[in-house]
C-alpha cells in the first residue's frame, strides 16, 4: 500500500509548492481580516490537504 501512498504524498507536496503564491494571497486576506468567500473555501481546502498529509504519514 505504501507504494501508492508515497506518490500521492509527493503530488500533494508538489501541489502545495506550486500554489505558494495563491496560499500567500490567502494568508494575507485572512490576516487582514477581509476574507473573501473564495478564500474561506480555499482555507478549508488547504486545511483538508494538511490533515490528509498527517494521515498519509501513518
N, C-alpha and C. Protein backbone atom coordinates (compact mmCIF):
# COMPACT_ATOMS: atom_id res chain seq x y z
N UNK A 1 0.83 -1.21 0.00
CA UNK A 1 0.00 0.00 0.00
C UNK A 1 0.87 1.27 0.00
N UNK A 2 2.03 1.17 0.63
CA UNK A 2 2.90 2.33 0.72
C UNK A 2 3.32 2.87 -0.65
N UNK A 3 3.49 1.99 -1.61
CA UNK A 3 3.90 2.44 -2.95
C UNK A 3 2.84 3.31 -3.63
N UNK A 4 1.60 3.23 -3.18
CA UNK A 4 0.54 4.10 -3.70
C UNK A 4 0.47 5.40 -2.91
N UNK A 5 0.72 5.32 -1.62
CA UNK A 5 0.64 6.50 -0.75
C UNK A 5 1.76 7.49 -1.05
N UNK A 6 2.98 7.00 -1.23
CA UNK A 6 4.12 7.89 -1.45
C UNK A 6 3.95 8.81 -2.67
N UNK A 7 3.59 8.30 -3.84
CA UNK A 7 3.37 9.21 -4.98
C UNK A 7 2.29 10.25 -4.70
N UNK A 8 1.26 9.83 -3.99
CA UNK A 8 0.19 10.75 -3.64
C UNK A 8 0.70 11.85 -2.72
N UNK A 9 1.53 11.47 -1.78
CA UNK A 9 2.14 12.44 -0.87
C UNK A 9 2.95 13.47 -1.65
N UNK A 10 3.76 12.99 -2.61
CA UNK A 10 4.57 13.90 -3.41
C UNK A 10 3.71 14.77 -4.32
N UNK A 11 2.63 14.22 -4.78
CA UNK A 11 1.69 15.00 -5.60
C UNK A 11 1.12 16.16 -4.79
N UNK A 12 0.70 15.87 -3.56
CA UNK A 12 0.15 16.90 -2.67
C UNK A 12 1.23 17.94 -2.36
N UNK A 13 2.43 17.47 -2.07
CA UNK A 13 3.56 18.35 -1.77
C UNK A 13 3.85 19.28 -2.95
N UNK A 14 3.84 18.72 -4.14
CA UNK A 14 4.02 19.47 -5.37
C UNK A 14 2.93 20.51 -5.56
N UNK A 15 1.71 20.08 -5.29
CA UNK A 15 0.56 20.96 -5.41
C UNK A 15 0.70 22.17 -4.49
N UNK A 16 1.12 21.91 -3.24
CA UNK A 16 1.28 22.98 -2.26
C UNK A 16 2.38 23.95 -2.71
N UNK A 17 3.49 23.42 -3.20
CA UNK A 17 4.59 24.28 -3.67
C UNK A 17 4.16 25.13 -4.86
N UNK A 18 3.44 24.54 -5.78
CA UNK A 18 3.01 25.27 -6.96
C UNK A 18 1.92 26.29 -6.65
N UNK A 19 1.27 26.10 -5.52
CA UNK A 19 0.21 27.01 -5.11
C UNK A 19 0.69 28.05 -4.09
N UNK A 20 2.01 28.18 -4.00
CA UNK A 20 2.59 29.06 -3.00
C UNK A 20 2.05 30.49 -3.03
N UNK A 21 2.00 31.06 -4.23
CA UNK A 21 1.53 32.44 -4.38
C UNK A 21 0.07 32.56 -3.95
N UNK A 22 -0.70 31.57 -4.35
CA UNK A 22 -2.11 31.52 -4.01
C UNK A 22 -2.29 31.43 -2.49
N UNK A 23 -1.47 30.62 -1.83
CA UNK A 23 -1.52 30.48 -0.38
C UNK A 23 -1.10 31.79 0.29
N UNK A 24 -0.07 32.45 -0.24
CA UNK A 24 0.36 33.73 0.32
C UNK A 24 -0.74 34.77 0.25
N UNK A 25 -1.42 34.83 -0.87
CA UNK A 25 -2.54 35.76 -1.03
C UNK A 25 -3.65 35.45 -0.05
N UNK A 26 -3.89 34.17 0.11
CA UNK A 26 -4.91 33.70 1.03
C UNK A 26 -4.55 34.08 2.46
N UNK A 27 -3.29 33.86 2.81
CA UNK A 27 -2.77 34.20 4.14
C UNK A 27 -2.96 35.68 4.41
N UNK A 28 -2.66 36.51 3.43
CA UNK A 28 -2.83 37.96 3.57
C UNK A 28 -4.29 38.32 3.79
N UNK A 29 -5.16 37.71 3.04
CA UNK A 29 -6.59 38.03 3.18
C UNK A 29 -7.13 37.61 4.53
N UNK A 30 -6.58 36.52 5.09
CA UNK A 30 -7.01 36.08 6.42
C UNK A 30 -6.46 37.04 7.47
N UNK A 31 -5.19 37.42 7.33
CA UNK A 31 -4.57 38.30 8.31
C UNK A 31 -5.12 39.71 8.30
N UNK A 32 -5.58 40.16 7.16
CA UNK A 32 -6.17 41.50 7.10
C UNK A 32 -7.65 41.47 7.49
N UNK A 33 -8.11 40.29 7.87
CA UNK A 33 -9.49 40.07 8.32
C UNK A 33 -10.53 40.50 7.29
N UNK A 34 -10.18 40.33 6.03
CA UNK A 34 -11.12 40.61 4.95
C UNK A 34 -11.21 39.40 4.04
N UNK A 35 -11.51 38.24 4.61
CA UNK A 35 -11.55 37.05 3.77
C UNK A 35 -12.72 37.08 2.79
N UNK A 36 -12.43 36.75 1.57
CA UNK A 36 -13.49 36.64 0.58
C UNK A 36 -14.12 35.26 0.71
N UNK A 37 -15.22 35.06 0.05
CA UNK A 37 -15.88 33.76 0.08
C UNK A 37 -14.94 32.69 -0.48
N UNK A 38 -14.24 33.03 -1.54
CA UNK A 38 -13.31 32.09 -2.16
C UNK A 38 -12.21 31.69 -1.20
N UNK A 39 -11.65 32.65 -0.48
CA UNK A 39 -10.54 32.33 0.41
C UNK A 39 -11.00 31.50 1.60
N UNK A 40 -12.24 31.67 2.02
CA UNK A 40 -12.76 30.82 3.10
C UNK A 40 -12.82 29.37 2.64
N UNK A 41 -13.31 29.17 1.44
CA UNK A 41 -13.38 27.82 0.88
C UNK A 41 -11.96 27.27 0.68
N UNK A 42 -11.08 28.09 0.14
CA UNK A 42 -9.70 27.69 -0.12
C UNK A 42 -8.98 27.33 1.17
N UNK A 43 -9.23 28.11 2.22
CA UNK A 43 -8.59 27.87 3.51
C UNK A 43 -8.98 26.51 4.06
N UNK A 44 -10.25 26.20 3.99
CA UNK A 44 -10.70 24.89 4.48
C UNK A 44 -10.12 23.76 3.61
N UNK A 45 -9.94 24.05 2.33
CA UNK A 45 -9.35 23.07 1.41
C UNK A 45 -7.88 22.81 1.77
N UNK A 46 -7.16 23.87 2.08
CA UNK A 46 -5.76 23.74 2.49
C UNK A 46 -5.67 22.95 3.80
N UNK A 47 -6.55 23.25 4.73
CA UNK A 47 -6.56 22.51 6.00
C UNK A 47 -6.83 21.04 5.76
N UNK A 48 -7.71 20.75 4.83
CA UNK A 48 -8.01 19.36 4.48
C UNK A 48 -6.77 18.67 3.93
N UNK A 49 -6.04 19.34 3.05
CA UNK A 49 -4.81 18.78 2.49
C UNK A 49 -3.79 18.51 3.59
N UNK A 50 -3.64 19.47 4.49
CA UNK A 50 -2.67 19.32 5.59
C UNK A 50 -3.05 18.16 6.49
N UNK A 51 -4.32 18.05 6.83
CA UNK A 51 -4.75 16.94 7.68
C UNK A 51 -4.61 15.60 6.95
N UNK A 52 -4.80 15.61 5.64
CA UNK A 52 -4.60 14.39 4.86
C UNK A 52 -3.13 13.98 4.83
N UNK A 53 -2.25 14.94 4.85
CA UNK A 53 -0.81 14.63 4.88
C UNK A 53 -0.46 13.91 6.16
N UNK A 54 -1.04 14.34 7.27
CA UNK A 54 -0.81 13.65 8.54
C UNK A 54 -1.30 12.21 8.44
N UNK A 55 -2.43 12.05 7.82
CA UNK A 55 -3.00 10.72 7.63
C UNK A 55 -2.07 9.86 6.76
N UNK A 56 -1.53 10.47 5.72
CA UNK A 56 -0.66 9.74 4.79
C UNK A 56 0.67 9.33 5.42
N UNK A 57 1.12 10.07 6.40
CA UNK A 57 2.42 9.75 7.02
C UNK A 57 2.35 8.59 8.00
N UNK A 58 1.15 8.09 8.27
CA UNK A 58 0.98 6.95 9.18
C UNK A 58 1.56 5.69 8.53
